[in-house]
Amino acid sequence: MVVVRDEIFDAHRIKRSNQARLAIEEAARQQRARRLAVFRRVDSQQPMYLSSRASHSGGGALDAWTLLLLLPLVWLTTGRRRTPAAR
């Protein structure tokens, strides 16, 4: 496949000047792959929050209990709409 490309570039007199750049980029890519990830958390000595990530516990406006408390209200408002139509 590479030989065919080289023949095509030579036939059209296209210079392949980016091979050196690609070799440098590939070496840099391999070097980054070998490096460990950098830990950049600034509050590691004294964490700001108890958990290290977001969770679904607490702090929300609507939870299961709130929805259960609102269910009778929804049932009453839809029941009143049906009553005048039935008359």
C-alpha atoms as a PDB file:
ATOM      1  CA  MET A   1       0.000   0.000   0.000  1.00  0.00           C
ATOM      2  CA  VAL A   2       2.829   2.399   0.890  1.00  0.00           C
ATOM      3  CA  VAL A   3       4.658   1.537  -2.326  1.00  0.00           C
ATOM      4  CA  VAL A   4       1.580   2.372  -4.379  1.00  0.00           C
ATOM      5  CA  ARG A   5       1.257   5.738  -2.622  1.00  0.00           C
ATOM      6  CA  ASP A   6       4.918   6.541  -3.219  1.00  0.00           C
ATOM      7  CA  GLU A   7       4.506   5.740  -6.913  1.00  0.00           C
ATOM      8  CA  ILE A   8       1.447   7.994  -7.150  1.00  0.00           C
ATOM      9  CA  PHE A   9       3.209  10.875  -5.411  1.00  0.00           C
ATOM     10  CA  ASP A  10       6.255  10.446  -7.643  1.00  0.00           C
ATOM     11  CA  ALA A  11       4.093  10.278 -10.772  1.00  0.00           C
ATOM     12  CA  HIS A  12       2.403  13.587  -9.884  1.00  0.00           C
ATOM     13  CA  ARG A  13       5.668  15.187  -8.666  1.00  0.00           C
ATOM     14  CA  ILE A  14       4.285  15.781  -5.169  1.00  0.00           C
ATOM     15  CA  LYS A  15       6.921  16.334  -2.491  1.00  0.00           C
ATOM     16  CA  ARG A  16       6.405  14.454   0.746  1.00  0.00           C
ATOM     17  CA  SER A  17       7.844  16.992   3.150  1.00  0.00           C
ATOM     18  CA  ASN A  18       5.627  16.192   6.116  1.00  0.00           C
ATOM     19  CA  GLN A  19       7.150  12.759   6.913  1.00  0.00           C
ATOM     20  CA  ALA A  20       9.621  14.261   9.389  1.00  0.00           C
ATOM     21  CA  ARG A  21       6.805  16.124  11.146  1.00  0.00           C
ATOM     22  CA  LEU A  22       4.694  12.969  11.323  1.00  0.00           C
ATOM     23  CA  ALA A  23       7.609  11.050  12.858  1.00  0.00           C
ATOM     24  CA  ILE A  24       8.018  13.733  15.545  1.00  0.00           C
ATOM     25  CA  GLU A  25       4.264  13.736  16.262  1.00  0.00           C
ATOM     26  CA  GLU A  26       4.167   9.944  16.519  1.00  0.00           C
ATOM     27  CA  ALA A  27       7.102   9.953  18.969  1.00  0.00           C
ATOM     28  CA  ALA A  28       5.338  12.587  21.084  1.00  0.00           C
ATOM     29  CA  ARG A  29       2.104  10.559  20.978  1.00  0.00           C
ATOM     30  CA  GLN A  30       3.907   7.436  22.217  1.00  0.00           C
ATOM     31  CA  GLN A  31       5.632   9.411  24.963  1.00  0.00           C
ATOM     32  CA  ARG A  32       2.275  10.806  26.178  1.00  0.00           C
ATOM     33  CA  ALA A  33       0.788   7.303  26.171  1.00  0.00           C
ATOM     34  CA  ARG A  34       3.544   6.062  28.520  1.00  0.00           C
ATOM     35  CA  ARG A  35       3.126   8.927  31.010  1.00  0.00           C
ATOM     36  CA  LEU A  36       0.834   8.589  33.993  1.00  0.00           C
ATOM     37  CA  ALA A  37      -2.176  10.842  34.332  1.00  0.00           C
ATOM     38  CA  VAL A  38      -1.529  14.034  36.306  1.00  0.00           C
ATOM     39  CA  PHE A  39      -3.596  14.433  39.470  1.00  0.00           C
ATOM     40  CA  ARG A  40      -4.574  18.113  39.575  1.00  0.00           C
ATOM     41  CA  ARG A  41      -7.027  18.192  42.465  1.00  0.00           C
ATOM     42  CA  VAL A  42      -6.195  21.251  44.556  1.00  0.00           C
ATOM     43  CA  ASP A  43      -8.133  20.272  47.678  1.00  0.00           C
ATOM     44  CA  SER A  44      -6.549  16.851  48.206  1.00  0.00           C
ATOM     45  CA  GLN A  45      -5.099  17.847  51.629  1.00  0.00           C
ATOM     46  CA  GLN A  46      -8.464  18.980  52.974  1.00  0.00           C
ATOM     47  CA  PRO A  47     -11.358  17.954  50.665  1.00  0.00           C
ATOM     48  CA  MET A  48     -14.192  20.412  50.214  1.00  0.00           C
ATOM     49  CA  TYR A  49     -16.872  17.700  49.948  1.00  0.00           C
ATOM     50  CA  LEU A  50     -17.343  14.333  51.612  1.00  0.00           C
ATOM     51  CA  SER A  51     -17.706  12.379  48.382  1.00  0.00           C
ATOM     52  CA  SER A  52     -15.340  12.573  45.454  1.00  0.00           C
ATOM     53  CA  ARG A  53     -18.091  12.761  42.819  1.00  0.00           C
ATOM     54  CA  ALA A  54     -21.663  13.817  42.335  1.00  0.00           C
ATOM     55  CA  SER A  55     -24.474  11.523  43.443  1.00  0.00           C
ATOM     56  CA  HIS A  56     -28.257  11.413  43.325  1.00  0.00           C
ATOM     57  CA  SER A  57     -28.695  11.513  47.087  1.00  0.00           C
ATOM     58  CA  GLY A  58     -30.124  14.694  48.532  1.00  0.00           C
ATOM     59  CA  GLY A  59     -30.121  18.241  47.296  1.00  0.00           C
ATOM     60  CA  GLY A  60     -32.714  17.738  44.589  1.00  0.00           C
ATOM     61  CA  ALA A  61     -35.957  19.662  44.311  1.00  0.00           C
ATOM     62  CA  LEU A  62     -38.031  16.607  43.386  1.00  0.00           C
ATOM     63  CA  ASP A  63     -37.512  13.202  44.900  1.00  0.00           C
ATOM     64  CA  ALA A  64     -39.742  10.154  45.236  1.00  0.00           C
ATOM     65  CA  TRP A  65     -41.467  11.398  48.424  1.00  0.00           C
ATOM     66  CA  THR A  66     -42.291  14.778  46.919  1.00  0.00           C
ATOM     67  CA  LEU A  67     -43.799  13.124  43.866  1.00  0.00           C
ATOM     68  CA  LEU A  68     -45.885  10.825  46.072  1.00  0.00           C
ATOM     69  CA  LEU A  69     -47.154  13.841  48.019  1.00  0.00           C
ATOM     70  CA  LEU A  70     -48.079  15.649  44.793  1.00  0.00           C
ATOM     71  CA  LEU A  71     -49.902  12.652  43.318  1.00  0.00           C
ATOM     72  CA  PRO A  72     -53.227  13.313  45.178  1.00  0.00           C
ATOM     73  CA  LEU A  73     -53.125  16.944  44.053  1.00  0.00           C
ATOM     74  CA  VAL A  74     -52.768  15.870  40.429  1.00  0.00           C
ATOM     75  CA  TRP A  75     -55.549  13.324  40.880  1.00  0.00           C
ATOM     76  CA  LEU A  76     -57.893  15.959  42.337  1.00  0.00           C
ATOM     77  CA  THR A  77     -57.259  18.486  39.570  1.00  0.00           C
ATOM     78  CA  THR A  78     -57.821  15.964  36.783  1.00  0.00           C
ATOM     79  CA  GLY A  79     -60.949  14.645  38.553  1.00  0.00           C
ATOM     80  CA  ARG A  80     -62.494  18.132  38.642  1.00  0.00           C
ATOM     81  CA  ARG A  81     -61.963  18.586  34.932  1.00  0.00           C
ATOM     82  CA  ARG A  82     -63.880  15.419  34.144  1.00  0.00           C
ATOM     83  CA  THR A  83     -66.906  16.339  36.302  1.00  0.00           C
ATOM     84  CA  PRO A  84     -68.244  19.290  34.175  1.00  0.00           C
ATOM     85  CA  ALA A  85     -67.843  17.317  30.961  1.00  0.00           C
ATOM     86  CA  ALA A  86     -69.921  14.463  32.354  1.00  0.00           C
ATOM     87  CA  ARG A  87     -72.946  16.749  33.011  1.00  0.00           C
END
